[in-house]
N, C-alpha and C. Protein backbone atom coordinates (compact mmCIF):
# COMPACT_ATOMS: atom_id res chain seq x y z
N UNK A 1 0.62 -1.21 -0.07
CA UNK A 1 0.18 0.04 -0.05
C UNK A 1 0.88 1.39 -0.10
N UNK A 2 2.35 1.25 0.29
CA UNK A 2 2.86 2.51 0.26
C UNK A 2 3.64 2.27 -0.84
N UNK A 3 3.58 3.60 -1.83
CA UNK A 3 4.07 3.81 -2.66
C UNK A 3 5.59 4.16 -2.73
N UNK A 4 6.75 3.13 -2.95
CA UNK A 4 8.01 3.25 -2.46
C UNK A 4 8.98 4.06 -3.18
N UNK A 5 8.29 4.23 -4.68
CA UNK A 5 9.00 5.00 -5.23
C UNK A 5 8.94 6.46 -4.79
N UNK A 6 7.94 7.00 -4.22
CA UNK A 6 7.55 8.23 -3.70
C UNK A 6 8.30 8.52 -2.43
N UNK A 7 8.48 7.33 -1.62
CA UNK A 7 9.26 7.24 -0.56
C UNK A 7 10.55 7.57 -0.88
N UNK A 8 11.20 6.80 -1.73
CA UNK A 8 12.84 6.75 -2.06
C UNK A 8 13.05 8.46 -2.74
N UNK A 9 12.06 8.83 -3.46
CA UNK A 9 12.27 10.16 -4.06
C UNK A 9 12.28 10.86 -2.98
N UNK A 10 11.28 11.11 -1.69
CA UNK A 10 11.82 11.80 -0.53
C UNK A 10 12.73 11.66 0.13
N UNK A 11 13.25 10.43 0.24
CA UNK A 11 14.52 10.47 1.13
C UNK A 11 15.79 10.88 0.00
N UNK A 12 15.78 10.76 -0.91
CA UNK A 12 16.78 11.62 -1.79
C UNK A 12 16.96 12.80 -1.52
N UNK A 13 15.61 13.42 -1.76
CA UNK A 13 15.50 14.79 -1.46
C UNK A 13 16.00 15.33 -0.11
N UNK A 14 15.66 14.81 0.83
CA UNK A 14 15.87 14.96 2.24
C UNK A 14 17.76 14.75 2.49
N UNK A 15 18.25 13.93 1.77
CA UNK A 15 19.52 13.67 1.90
C UNK A 15 20.60 14.66 1.03
N UNK A 16 19.71 14.97 0.15
CA UNK A 16 20.45 16.07 -0.73
C UNK A 16 20.50 17.70 -0.03
N UNK A 17 19.14 17.71 0.26
CA UNK A 17 18.92 19.06 0.83
C UNK A 17 19.34 19.28 2.28
N UNK A 18 19.56 18.25 3.09
CA UNK A 18 20.43 18.52 4.27
C UNK A 18 21.82 18.24 4.11
N UNK A 19 22.40 17.85 3.15
CA UNK A 19 23.69 17.87 2.88
C UNK A 19 24.10 19.15 2.13
N UNK A 20 23.46 19.72 1.49
CA UNK A 20 23.52 21.11 0.96
C UNK A 20 23.51 22.21 2.12
N UNK A 21 22.67 21.78 3.24
CA UNK A 21 22.53 22.90 4.27
C UNK A 21 23.65 22.63 5.23
N UNK A 22 24.45 21.59 5.36
CA UNK A 22 25.26 21.39 6.06
C UNK A 22 26.54 22.26 5.46
N UNK A 23 26.85 22.24 4.50
CA UNK A 23 28.00 22.81 3.43
C UNK A 23 27.73 24.21 3.35
N UNK A 24 26.66 24.82 3.05
CA UNK A 24 26.32 25.98 3.09
C UNK A 24 26.06 26.65 4.15
N UNK A 25 25.52 25.93 4.94
CA UNK A 25 24.92 26.72 6.47
C UNK A 25 25.92 27.13 7.14
N UNK A 26 26.96 26.13 7.54
CA UNK A 26 28.29 26.40 8.30
C UNK A 26 28.43 27.75 8.21
N UNK A 27 29.03 28.32 6.96
CA UNK A 27 29.72 29.56 7.04
C UNK A 27 28.52 30.64 7.33
N UNK A 28 27.38 30.39 6.97
CA UNK A 28 26.31 31.49 7.20
C UNK A 28 26.16 31.41 8.60
N UNK A 29 26.21 30.09 9.30
CA UNK A 29 25.92 30.46 10.84
C UNK A 29 27.05 30.61 11.76
N UNK A 30 28.35 30.56 10.91
CA UNK A 30 29.37 31.23 11.53
C UNK A 30 29.60 32.57 11.62
N UNK A 31 29.05 33.22 10.69
CA UNK A 31 29.16 34.64 10.39
C UNK A 31 28.32 34.94 11.37
N UNK A 32 26.91 34.52 11.55
CA UNK A 32 25.81 34.70 12.70
C UNK A 32 26.43 34.88 14.02
N UNK A 33 27.34 33.75 14.39
CA UNK A 33 27.67 33.63 15.57
C UNK A 33 28.94 34.62 15.89
N UNK A 34 29.53 34.96 15.02
CA UNK A 34 30.78 35.92 15.44
C UNK A 34 30.91 37.06 14.89
N UNK A 35 30.03 37.39 13.84
CA UNK A 35 30.08 38.91 13.29
C UNK A 35 29.81 40.00 14.21
N UNK A 36 30.23 40.75 14.12
CA UNK A 36 29.77 42.18 15.14
C UNK A 36 29.32 43.28 14.04
N UNK A 37 28.91 43.00 13.03
CA UNK A 37 28.18 43.91 12.10
C UNK A 37 26.73 44.32 12.65
N UNK A 38 26.59 45.87 12.33
CA UNK A 38 25.18 46.44 13.11
C UNK A 38 24.16 45.86 12.16
N UNK A 39 24.11 45.23 11.02
CA UNK A 39 22.98 44.67 10.23
C UNK A 39 22.82 43.29 10.25
N UNK A 40 23.54 42.58 11.38
CA UNK A 40 23.43 41.27 11.30
C UNK A 40 22.25 40.68 11.64
N UNK A 41 21.22 41.74 12.20
CA UNK A 41 20.02 41.32 12.62
C UNK A 41 19.20 41.01 11.38
N UNK A 42 19.36 41.92 10.31
CA UNK A 42 18.73 41.60 9.40
C UNK A 42 19.18 40.27 8.60
N UNK A 43 20.35 39.88 8.46
CA UNK A 43 20.32 38.36 7.83
C UNK A 43 19.98 37.41 8.94
N UNK A 44 19.87 37.45 10.22
CA UNK A 44 19.22 36.65 10.96
C UNK A 44 17.99 36.49 10.93
N UNK A 45 17.02 37.64 10.19
CA UNK A 45 15.73 37.82 10.06
C UNK A 45 15.45 37.22 8.99
N UNK A 46 16.27 37.19 7.89
CA UNK A 46 16.19 36.59 6.50
C UNK A 46 16.34 35.12 6.49
N UNK A 47 17.14 34.54 7.48
CA UNK A 47 17.30 33.13 7.54
C UNK A 47 15.84 32.92 8.26
N UNK A 48 15.43 33.27 9.13
CA UNK A 48 14.28 32.72 10.04
C UNK A 48 13.08 33.05 9.49
N UNK A 49 13.05 33.65 8.52
CA UNK A 49 11.78 34.17 7.64
C UNK A 49 10.90 32.75 6.84
N UNK A 50 11.50 31.58 6.70
CA UNK A 50 10.83 30.67 6.46
C UNK A 50 10.16 30.09 7.56
N UNK A 51 10.34 30.24 8.58
CA UNK A 51 9.50 29.50 9.80
C UNK A 51 8.26 30.31 10.26
N UNK A 52 8.23 31.41 9.79
CA UNK A 52 6.56 32.17 10.08
C UNK A 52 6.23 32.53 8.86
N UNK A 53 6.87 32.42 7.67
CA UNK A 53 6.06 32.60 6.44
C UNK A 53 5.16 31.54 5.83
N UNK A 54 3.96 31.55 5.39
CA UNK A 54 3.33 30.56 4.59
C UNK A 54 4.08 29.50 3.86
N UNK A 55 3.87 28.54 3.71
CA UNK A 55 4.87 28.02 2.83
C UNK A 55 4.39 28.28 1.40
N UNK A 56 3.04 28.40 0.97
CA UNK A 56 2.72 28.50 -0.24
C UNK A 56 2.97 30.17 -0.68
N UNK A 57 3.41 31.26 0.27
CA UNK A 57 4.06 32.52 -0.13
C UNK A 57 5.33 32.11 -0.64
N UNK A 58 6.24 31.29 0.37
CA UNK A 58 7.45 31.20 -0.04
C UNK A 58 7.56 30.50 -1.61
N UNK A 59 6.89 29.26 -1.54
CA UNK A 59 6.90 28.81 -2.84
C UNK A 59 6.35 29.27 -4.15
N UNK A 60 5.51 30.32 -3.86
CA UNK A 60 5.24 31.01 -5.09
C UNK A 60 6.42 31.81 -5.56
N UNK A 61 6.89 32.72 -4.56
CA UNK A 61 8.12 33.17 -4.88
C UNK A 61 9.44 32.64 -5.62
N UNK A 62 9.45 31.41 -4.95
CA UNK A 62 10.64 30.56 -5.48
C UNK A 62 10.36 30.19 -7.01
N UNK A 63 8.89 29.69 -7.06
CA UNK A 63 8.36 29.47 -8.48
C UNK A 63 8.63 30.47 -9.46
N UNK A 64 8.17 31.84 -9.10
CA UNK A 64 8.54 32.84 -9.64
C UNK A 64 10.16 33.20 -10.25
N UNK A 65 11.04 32.80 -9.24
CA UNK A 65 12.15 33.25 -9.54
C UNK A 65 12.93 31.87 -10.35
N UNK A 66 12.30 30.90 -10.34
CA UNK A 66 12.80 29.65 -11.21
C UNK A 66 12.30 29.76 -12.39
N UNK A 67 11.06 30.49 -12.81
CA UNK A 67 10.37 30.61 -13.98
C UNK A 67 11.12 31.29 -15.25
N UNK A 68 10.42 31.10 -16.31
CA UNK A 68 11.57 31.60 -17.35
C UNK A 68 11.06 33.08 -17.67
N UNK A 69 10.54 33.77 -16.91
CA UNK A 69 10.67 35.19 -17.26
C UNK A 69 11.47 36.00 -16.25
N UNK A 70 12.01 35.10 -15.13
CA UNK A 70 12.96 35.80 -14.32
C UNK A 70 14.52 35.61 -14.83
N UNK A 71 15.32 36.69 -14.38
CA UNK A 71 16.74 36.61 -15.10
C UNK A 71 17.37 35.25 -14.72
N UNK A 72 17.34 34.74 -13.58
CA UNK A 72 17.90 33.38 -13.20
C UNK A 72 17.17 32.32 -14.24
N UNK A 73 15.85 32.42 -14.45
CA UNK A 73 15.00 31.47 -15.18
C UNK A 73 15.74 31.48 -16.37
N UNK A 74 15.73 32.64 -17.05
CA UNK A 74 15.98 32.73 -18.54
C UNK A 74 17.75 32.26 -18.47
N UNK A 75 18.45 32.44 -17.62
CA UNK A 75 19.96 32.22 -17.73
C UNK A 75 19.78 30.57 -17.54
N UNK A 76 19.15 30.03 -16.87
CA UNK A 76 19.08 28.55 -16.70
C UNK A 76 18.69 28.01 -17.96
N UNK A 77 17.59 28.47 -18.53
CA UNK A 77 17.08 27.87 -20.00
C UNK A 77 18.09 27.96 -21.04
N UNK A 78 18.82 29.01 -21.04
CA UNK A 78 19.81 29.40 -22.04
C UNK A 78 21.15 28.18 -21.60
N UNK A 79 21.05 27.81 -20.41
CA UNK A 79 22.27 27.02 -20.29
C UNK A 79 21.93 25.47 -20.38
N UNK A 80 20.46 25.22 -19.96
CA UNK A 80 20.12 23.79 -20.10
C UNK A 80 19.14 23.36 -20.91
N UNK A 81 18.28 24.52 -21.53
CA UNK A 81 17.11 24.22 -22.48
C UNK A 81 16.05 24.02 -21.89
N UNK A 82 16.13 24.03 -20.71
CA UNK A 82 14.62 23.84 -19.93
C UNK A 82 14.39 24.38 -18.49
N UNK A 83 13.18 24.70 -18.03
CA UNK A 83 13.06 25.62 -16.71
C UNK A 83 13.42 24.84 -15.57
N UNK A 84 13.73 25.17 -14.45
CA UNK A 84 13.81 24.46 -13.11
C UNK A 84 12.61 24.49 -12.68
N UNK A 85 11.40 25.00 -12.84
CA UNK A 85 10.06 24.91 -12.17
C UNK A 85 9.56 23.58 -12.52
N UNK A 86 8.84 22.86 -11.53
CA UNK A 86 8.37 21.30 -11.85
C UNK A 86 9.44 20.45 -12.12
N UNK A 87 10.63 20.39 -11.62
CA UNK A 87 11.51 19.56 -11.71
C UNK A 87 12.40 19.33 -10.51
N UNK A 88 13.22 17.86 -10.20
CA UNK A 88 13.47 17.72 -9.25
C UNK A 88 14.69 18.64 -8.60
N UNK A 89 15.35 19.13 -9.61
CA UNK A 89 16.47 20.35 -9.06
C UNK A 89 15.87 21.56 -8.39
N UNK A 90 14.53 21.98 -9.26
CA UNK A 90 13.87 23.20 -8.58
C UNK A 90 13.47 22.57 -7.23
N UNK A 91 13.28 21.47 -7.00
CA UNK A 91 12.46 20.98 -5.71
C UNK A 91 13.37 21.26 -4.60
N UNK A 92 14.70 20.73 -4.95
CA UNK A 92 15.94 20.86 -3.97
C UNK A 92 15.96 22.22 -3.59
N UNK A 93 16.01 23.32 -4.50
CA UNK A 93 16.19 24.56 -4.26
C UNK A 93 15.04 25.25 -3.46
N UNK A 94 13.87 25.02 -3.79
CA UNK A 94 12.65 25.43 -2.81
C UNK A 94 12.60 24.83 -1.33
N UNK A 95 13.14 23.47 -1.13
CA UNK A 95 13.17 22.69 0.11
C UNK A 95 14.44 23.33 0.82
N UNK A 96 15.54 23.39 0.09
CA UNK A 96 16.91 24.42 0.81
C UNK A 96 16.32 25.27 1.30
N UNK A 97 15.54 26.47 0.70
CA UNK A 97 15.28 27.80 1.42
C UNK A 97 14.18 27.53 2.60
N UNK A 98 13.58 26.68 2.20
CA UNK A 98 12.58 26.47 3.43
C UNK A 98 13.04 25.83 4.26
N UNK A 99 13.99 24.86 4.52
CA UNK A 99 14.55 24.33 5.61
C UNK A 99 15.84 25.13 6.23
N UNK A 100 16.23 26.25 5.50
CA UNK A 100 17.46 26.97 5.89
C UNK A 100 17.39 27.32 7.43
N UNK A 101 16.54 27.64 8.02
CA UNK A 101 16.59 28.13 9.41
C UNK A 101 16.73 26.99 10.53
N UNK A 102 16.20 25.64 9.92
CA UNK A 102 16.35 24.49 10.88
C UNK A 102 17.51 23.98 11.13
N UNK A 103 18.64 24.49 10.13
CA UNK A 103 20.04 23.96 10.18
C UNK A 103 20.90 25.15 10.67
N UNK A 104 20.77 26.36 10.18
CA UNK A 104 21.55 27.70 10.40
C UNK A 104 21.37 28.09 11.73
N UNK A 105 20.11 28.12 12.51
CA UNK A 105 19.99 28.37 13.70
C UNK A 105 20.57 27.37 14.76
N UNK A 106 20.33 26.08 14.81
CA UNK A 106 21.49 25.23 15.74
C UNK A 106 22.69 25.18 15.42
N UNK A 107 23.07 25.52 14.26
CA UNK A 107 24.57 25.82 14.09
C UNK A 107 25.07 26.98 14.80
N UNK A 108 24.53 28.09 14.29
CA UNK A 108 24.88 29.18 15.00
C UNK A 108 24.75 29.21 16.69
N UNK A 109 23.59 28.81 17.13
CA UNK A 109 23.46 28.62 18.42
C UNK A 109 24.63 27.72 19.34
N UNK A 110 24.87 26.68 18.52
CA UNK A 110 26.24 25.91 18.94
C UNK A 110 27.47 26.68 18.99
N UNK A 111 27.61 27.47 17.89
CA UNK A 111 28.82 28.11 17.58
C UNK A 111 29.57 29.25 18.70
N UNK A 112 27.71 29.76 18.81
CA UNK A 112 27.99 30.78 20.18
C UNK A 112 28.16 30.32 21.42
N UNK A 113 28.30 29.24 21.45
CA UNK A 113 28.28 28.39 22.91
C UNK A 113 29.84 28.25 23.05
N UNK A 114 30.49 27.97 22.16
CA UNK A 114 31.87 27.69 22.55
C UNK A 114 32.44 28.95 23.16
N UNK A 115 33.27 28.62 24.15
CA UNK A 115 34.14 29.54 24.95
C UNK A 115 35.07 30.30 24.21
N UNK A 116 35.02 31.63 23.98
CA UNK A 116 35.76 32.51 23.58
C UNK A 116 37.08 32.64 23.66
N UNK A 117 37.69 32.14 24.94
CA UNK A 117 38.88 32.02 25.74
C UNK A 117 39.53 30.67 24.85
N UNK A 118 38.94 29.70 24.53
CA UNK A 118 39.35 28.60 23.75
C UNK A 118 39.93 29.04 22.51
N UNK A 119 39.09 29.89 21.69
CA UNK A 119 39.41 30.29 20.48
C UNK A 119 40.73 31.33 20.38
N UNK A 120 40.56 32.21 21.51
CA UNK A 120 41.75 33.06 21.73
C UNK A 120 42.98 32.53 22.01
N UNK A 121 43.11 31.24 22.91
CA UNK A 121 44.12 30.36 23.22
C UNK A 121 44.82 29.76 21.81
N UNK A 122 43.75 29.33 20.96
CA UNK A 122 43.93 28.77 19.58
C UNK A 122 44.68 29.75 18.91
N UNK A 123 44.19 30.93 18.66
CA UNK A 123 45.04 32.07 18.01
C UNK A 123 46.53 32.51 18.59
N UNK A 124 46.55 32.33 20.01
CA UNK A 124 48.01 32.87 20.63
C UNK A 124 48.47 31.81 20.42
N UNK A 125 48.55 30.62 19.99
CA UNK A 125 49.32 29.59 19.88
C UNK A 125 49.69 29.60 18.13
N UNK A 126 49.16 30.46 17.63
CA UNK A 126 49.62 30.45 16.10
C UNK A 126 48.80 30.14 15.12
N UNK A 127 47.51 29.35 15.67
CA UNK A 127 46.45 29.06 14.56
C UNK A 127 45.65 30.12 13.90
N UNK A 128 45.85 29.55 12.68
CA UNK A 128 44.87 30.69 11.71
C UNK A 128 43.42 30.59 12.18
N UNK A 129 42.62 31.60 11.71
CA UNK A 129 40.99 31.57 12.23
C UNK A 129 40.30 30.21 11.41
N UNK A 130 40.89 29.41 10.30
CA UNK A 130 40.25 28.68 9.77
C UNK A 130 40.65 27.17 10.62
N UNK A 131 41.85 27.32 10.95
CA UNK A 131 42.59 26.13 11.73
C UNK A 131 41.81 26.14 12.90
N UNK A 132 41.65 27.18 13.67
CA UNK A 132 41.05 27.43 14.98
C UNK A 132 39.43 26.73 14.92
N UNK A 133 38.89 27.39 13.81
CA UNK A 133 37.35 26.59 13.36
C UNK A 133 37.12 25.19 13.29
N UNK A 134 38.45 24.49 12.69
CA UNK A 134 38.17 23.16 12.52
C UNK A 134 38.95 22.42 13.77
N UNK A 135 39.75 22.82 14.50
CA UNK A 135 40.19 22.13 15.74
C UNK A 135 39.67 22.39 16.97
N UNK A 136 38.97 23.80 17.11
CA UNK A 136 38.17 24.08 18.33
C UNK A 136 36.78 24.18 18.06
N UNK A 137 36.38 25.07 17.38
CA UNK A 137 34.79 25.48 17.31
C UNK A 137 34.14 24.28 16.83
N UNK A 138 34.50 23.53 15.75
CA UNK A 138 33.53 22.53 15.22
C UNK A 138 33.70 21.42 16.12
N UNK A 139 34.88 20.70 16.60
CA UNK A 139 34.57 19.85 17.49
C UNK A 139 33.62 20.02 18.68
N UNK A 140 33.70 21.10 18.98
CA UNK A 140 33.05 21.49 20.30
C UNK A 140 31.36 21.73 19.90
N UNK A 141 30.89 21.86 18.78
CA UNK A 141 29.82 22.23 18.19
C UNK A 141 28.78 21.18 17.67
N UNK A 142 29.57 19.94 17.63
CA UNK A 142 29.05 18.77 17.04
C UNK A 142 27.50 18.10 17.48
N UNK A 143 27.39 18.48 18.90
CA UNK A 143 25.66 17.95 18.94
C UNK A 143 24.69 19.07 18.23
N UNK A 144 25.30 20.49 18.30
CA UNK A 144 24.13 21.30 17.60
C UNK A 144 24.24 21.15 16.11
N UNK A 145 25.45 20.92 15.51
CA UNK A 145 25.44 20.25 14.08
C UNK A 145 24.74 19.38 13.90
N UNK A 146 24.76 18.10 14.88
CA UNK A 146 24.08 16.91 14.41
C UNK A 146 22.39 17.24 14.62
N UNK A 147 22.05 18.05 15.49
CA UNK A 147 20.56 18.42 15.66
C UNK A 147 20.12 19.15 14.58
N UNK A 148 21.09 20.12 13.98
CA UNK A 148 20.65 21.05 12.74
C UNK A 148 20.64 19.95 11.53
N UNK A 149 21.34 19.05 11.12
CA UNK A 149 21.10 18.04 10.34
C UNK A 149 19.79 17.29 10.26
N UNK A 150 19.87 16.91 11.41
CA UNK A 150 18.38 15.98 11.58
C UNK A 150 16.79 16.84 11.43
N UNK A 151 17.24 18.03 12.14
CA UNK A 151 15.90 18.94 11.73
C UNK A 151 15.82 19.10 10.51
N UNK A 152 16.55 19.49 9.87
CA UNK A 152 16.42 19.83 8.36
C UNK A 152 16.13 18.55 7.48
N UNK A 153 16.88 17.50 7.96
CA UNK A 153 16.37 16.35 7.37
C UNK A 153 14.83 15.74 7.24
N UNK A 154 14.48 15.71 8.56
CA UNK A 154 13.25 15.69 9.00
C UNK A 154 12.25 16.26 8.31
N UNK A 155 12.44 17.80 8.43
CA UNK A 155 11.53 18.88 8.02
C UNK A 155 11.49 18.60 6.24
N UNK A 156 12.37 18.40 5.61
CA UNK A 156 12.35 18.11 4.22
C UNK A 156 11.51 16.94 3.98
N UNK A 157 11.79 15.65 4.80
CA UNK A 157 10.96 14.68 4.65
C UNK A 157 9.27 14.82 4.58
N UNK A 158 8.89 16.03 5.57
CA UNK A 158 7.60 16.07 5.44
C UNK A 158 7.00 17.71 5.03
N UNK A 159 7.61 18.17 4.12
CA UNK A 159 7.48 19.39 3.60
C UNK A 159 6.15 19.18 2.62
N UNK A 160 5.38 20.04 2.49
CA UNK A 160 4.13 19.87 1.57
C UNK A 160 4.03 21.20 0.96
N UNK A 161 3.79 22.23 1.41
CA UNK A 161 3.36 23.48 0.71
C UNK A 161 4.25 23.76 -0.24
N UNK A 162 5.52 24.11 -0.01
CA UNK A 162 6.77 24.39 -0.96
C UNK A 162 6.80 23.64 -2.11
N UNK A 163 6.93 22.37 -1.86
CA UNK A 163 7.12 21.06 -2.80
C UNK A 163 5.98 20.90 -3.50
N UNK A 164 4.83 21.17 -3.24
CA UNK A 164 3.64 21.48 -4.01
C UNK A 164 3.81 22.53 -5.16
N UNK A 165 3.96 23.59 -4.47
CA UNK A 165 4.22 24.92 -5.45
C UNK A 165 5.17 24.87 -6.33
N UNK A 166 6.37 24.38 -6.01
CA UNK A 166 7.38 24.34 -6.81
C UNK A 166 7.73 23.15 -7.96
N UNK A 167 7.29 22.07 -7.04
CA UNK A 167 7.53 20.98 -8.06
C UNK A 167 6.15 20.43 -8.48
N UNK A 168 5.12 20.79 -8.00
CA UNK A 168 3.93 20.19 -8.70
C UNK A 168 3.59 18.86 -8.37
N UNK A 169 3.14 17.82 -8.93
CA UNK A 169 2.74 16.43 -8.26
C UNK A 169 3.04 15.56 -9.72
N UNK A 170 4.14 15.36 -9.97
CA UNK A 170 4.60 14.39 -11.15
C UNK A 170 5.02 13.20 -10.75
N UNK A 171 4.47 12.17 -10.95
CA UNK A 171 5.02 11.05 -10.43
C UNK A 171 6.49 10.60 -10.77
N UNK A 172 6.97 10.10 -9.88
CA UNK A 172 8.62 9.79 -10.16
C UNK A 172 9.65 10.75 -10.58
N UNK A 173 8.95 12.14 -10.31
CA UNK A 173 9.66 13.55 -10.31
C UNK A 173 9.76 14.10 -9.27
N UNK A 174 8.68 14.67 -8.98
CA UNK A 174 8.24 15.65 -7.72
C UNK A 174 7.40 15.03 -6.83
N UNK A 175 6.48 14.15 -7.13
CA UNK A 175 5.83 13.61 -6.05
C UNK A 175 6.43 13.21 -4.80
N UNK A 176 6.24 13.90 -3.65
CA UNK A 176 7.03 13.34 -2.43
C UNK A 176 5.85 12.86 -1.61
N UNK A 177 6.34 12.11 -0.23
CA UNK A 177 5.62 11.63 0.52
C UNK A 177 4.18 12.21 1.04
N UNK A 178 4.49 13.28 1.32
CA UNK A 178 3.50 14.47 1.69
C UNK A 178 2.33 14.52 0.79
N UNK A 179 2.79 14.64 -0.35
CA UNK A 179 1.86 14.94 -1.32
C UNK A 179 0.90 13.53 -1.71
N UNK A 180 1.77 12.52 -1.90
CA UNK A 180 1.29 11.27 -1.52
C UNK A 180 0.02 10.93 -0.71
N UNK A 181 0.27 11.33 0.33
CA UNK A 181 -0.70 11.22 1.46
C UNK A 181 -1.88 12.02 1.32
N UNK A 182 -1.74 13.06 0.66
CA UNK A 182 -2.86 13.95 0.46
C UNK A 182 -3.56 13.66 -0.68
N UNK A 183 -2.95 12.61 -1.99
CA UNK A 183 -3.79 12.40 -3.05
C UNK A 183 -4.63 11.22 -2.54
N UNK A 184 -3.87 10.47 -1.59
CA UNK A 184 -4.64 9.20 -0.96
C UNK A 184 -5.93 9.75 -0.44
N UNK A 185 -5.83 10.78 0.59
CA UNK A 185 -6.97 10.88 1.27
C UNK A 185 -8.15 11.87 0.34
N UNK A 186 -7.68 12.46 -0.55
CA UNK A 186 -8.74 13.12 -1.72
C UNK A 186 -9.42 11.68 -2.15
N UNK A 187 -8.55 10.77 -2.43
CA UNK A 187 -9.18 9.64 -3.15
C UNK A 187 -9.83 8.79 -2.19
N UNK A 188 -10.03 9.00 -0.97
CA UNK A 188 -10.58 8.38 0.21
C UNK A 188 -9.91 7.04 0.71
N UNK A 189 -8.61 6.74 0.06
CA UNK A 189 -7.88 5.94 0.24
C UNK A 189 -7.06 5.72 1.86
N UNK A 190 -7.82 6.01 2.63
CA UNK A 190 -7.35 5.97 4.13
C UNK A 190 -6.46 5.06 4.56
N UNK A 191 -6.58 3.72 4.22
CA UNK A 191 -5.62 2.80 4.62
C UNK A 191 -4.30 3.24 4.20
N UNK A 192 -4.31 3.34 2.97
CA UNK A 192 -2.80 3.88 2.09
C UNK A 192 -2.31 5.15 2.65
N UNK A 193 -3.02 6.03 2.93
CA UNK A 193 -2.67 7.28 3.78
C UNK A 193 -2.08 7.07 4.90
N UNK A 194 -2.86 6.21 5.73
CA UNK A 194 -2.58 6.09 7.15
C UNK A 194 -0.83 5.17 7.29
N UNK A 195 -0.93 4.12 6.28
CA UNK A 195 0.41 3.37 6.02
C UNK A 195 1.50 4.11 6.02
N UNK A 196 1.26 5.22 4.96
CA UNK A 196 2.35 6.06 4.69
C UNK A 196 2.95 6.89 5.52
N UNK A 197 1.70 7.67 6.22
CA UNK A 197 1.91 8.65 7.28
C UNK A 197 2.65 7.85 8.54
N UNK A 198 2.03 6.63 8.79
CA UNK A 198 2.58 5.90 9.74
C UNK A 198 4.30 5.84 9.64
N UNK A 199 4.63 5.32 8.49
CA UNK A 199 6.03 4.89 8.13
C UNK A 199 6.68 6.40 8.36
N UNK A 200 6.27 7.68 7.89
CA UNK A 200 7.03 8.83 8.09
C UNK A 200 7.10 9.18 9.41
N UNK A 201 5.90 8.92 9.95
CA UNK A 201 5.99 9.24 11.56
C UNK A 201 7.12 8.56 12.49
N UNK A 202 7.12 7.39 12.29
CA UNK A 202 7.98 6.14 12.93
C UNK A 202 9.40 6.83 12.59
N UNK A 203 9.82 7.16 11.24
CA UNK A 203 11.08 7.28 10.89
C UNK A 203 11.78 8.72 11.44
N UNK A 204 10.66 9.56 11.46
CA UNK A 204 11.26 11.13 11.84
C UNK A 204 11.39 11.21 13.52
N UNK A 205 10.36 10.26 14.03
CA UNK A 205 10.48 9.99 15.49
C UNK A 205 11.87 9.37 15.91
N UNK A 206 12.10 8.24 15.30
CA UNK A 206 13.31 7.32 15.74
C UNK A 206 14.61 8.35 15.13
N UNK A 207 14.55 8.99 14.24
CA UNK A 207 15.70 9.90 14.06
C UNK A 207 15.80 10.68 15.14
N UNK A 208 14.99 11.55 15.33
CA UNK A 208 15.01 12.47 16.51
C UNK A 208 15.22 12.18 17.66
N UNK A 209 14.77 10.83 18.21
CA UNK A 209 14.95 10.34 19.52
C UNK A 209 16.59 9.77 19.47
N UNK A 210 17.00 9.42 18.43
CA UNK A 210 18.69 8.94 18.48
C UNK A 210 19.42 10.30 18.80
N UNK A 211 18.81 11.09 17.84
CA UNK A 211 19.85 12.68 17.73
C UNK A 211 19.82 13.10 19.37
N UNK A 212 18.52 13.45 19.97
CA UNK A 212 18.49 14.01 21.20
C UNK A 212 19.01 12.83 22.41
N UNK A 213 18.87 11.90 22.14
CA UNK A 213 19.59 10.84 23.04
C UNK A 213 21.16 10.95 22.91
N UNK A 214 21.64 11.18 21.79
CA UNK A 214 23.19 11.04 21.61
C UNK A 214 23.62 12.55 22.03
N UNK A 215 22.60 13.37 21.74
CA UNK A 215 23.26 14.72 22.27
C UNK A 215 23.40 14.89 23.84
N UNK A 216 22.02 14.14 24.38
CA UNK A 216 22.16 14.20 25.98
C UNK A 216 23.29 13.18 26.35
N UNK A 217 23.80 12.25 25.78
CA UNK A 217 24.94 11.51 26.38
C UNK A 217 26.26 12.26 26.29
N UNK A 218 26.24 13.12 25.17
CA UNK A 218 27.67 13.76 24.77
C UNK A 218 27.61 14.87 25.65
N UNK A 219 26.52 15.69 26.42
CA UNK A 219 26.86 16.56 27.04
C UNK A 219 26.61 16.34 28.68
N UNK A 220 26.31 14.98 29.06
CA UNK A 220 26.25 14.33 30.21
C UNK A 220 27.61 14.63 31.04
N UNK A 221 27.60 15.07 32.30
CA UNK A 221 28.51 15.25 33.20
C UNK A 221 29.04 14.20 33.90
N UNK A 222 29.92 13.40 33.81
CA UNK A 222 30.54 12.21 34.43
C UNK A 222 30.59 12.35 36.17
N UNK A 223 30.21 11.57 36.93
CA UNK A 223 30.22 11.70 38.28
C UNK A 223 31.65 11.73 38.65
N UNK A 224 32.27 12.76 39.46
CA UNK A 224 33.49 12.54 40.01
C UNK A 224 33.82 11.13 41.02
N UNK A 225 34.91 10.34 40.91
CA UNK A 225 35.14 9.46 41.72
C UNK A 225 35.63 9.60 42.83
């Protein structure tokens, strides 16, 4: 009763989006955590905007930006011969933007929690800022990084509004699990919708339970013997 093609496509989308958010979200989060720019609050507001913005609004503007009438859309058509709208790459872009705060905010909070004295000590020993980041900041921020990755992955797995606006409902191309559940409910296939929804519920719960359990263990203080 479960559409496994839809499930694996959604899983592929979540893996790609969460990986891209890790690579591109790290420098954004680092800048937010350590920058002293007066206009930093503007960047923080932009990053957090998808949390409060209706998915259809964000999806609409992403669709317009990827369409053939936008500068980026025209450039992409001249490069590839087709638009990004209603394609899997377009779905990746829309999901990336919508899940951005779910990775960047935990990353930035984790970076902000690193003791500045440790970073200063690393610089005193002659380490460059890049080396200090990889040898001091990154290892001490692992729980926050794992949380951000897990949240962005789970959020992408369950996304509906942006996915529907940007990707449509094309079987094998842009039909995700959430859209499949909606279609089954519309068709009164409640048994199929329940089976798919239960699979998604269990997957996301197990993922978050593992992450929060691992983080609790990592931050636990061992008793002094």
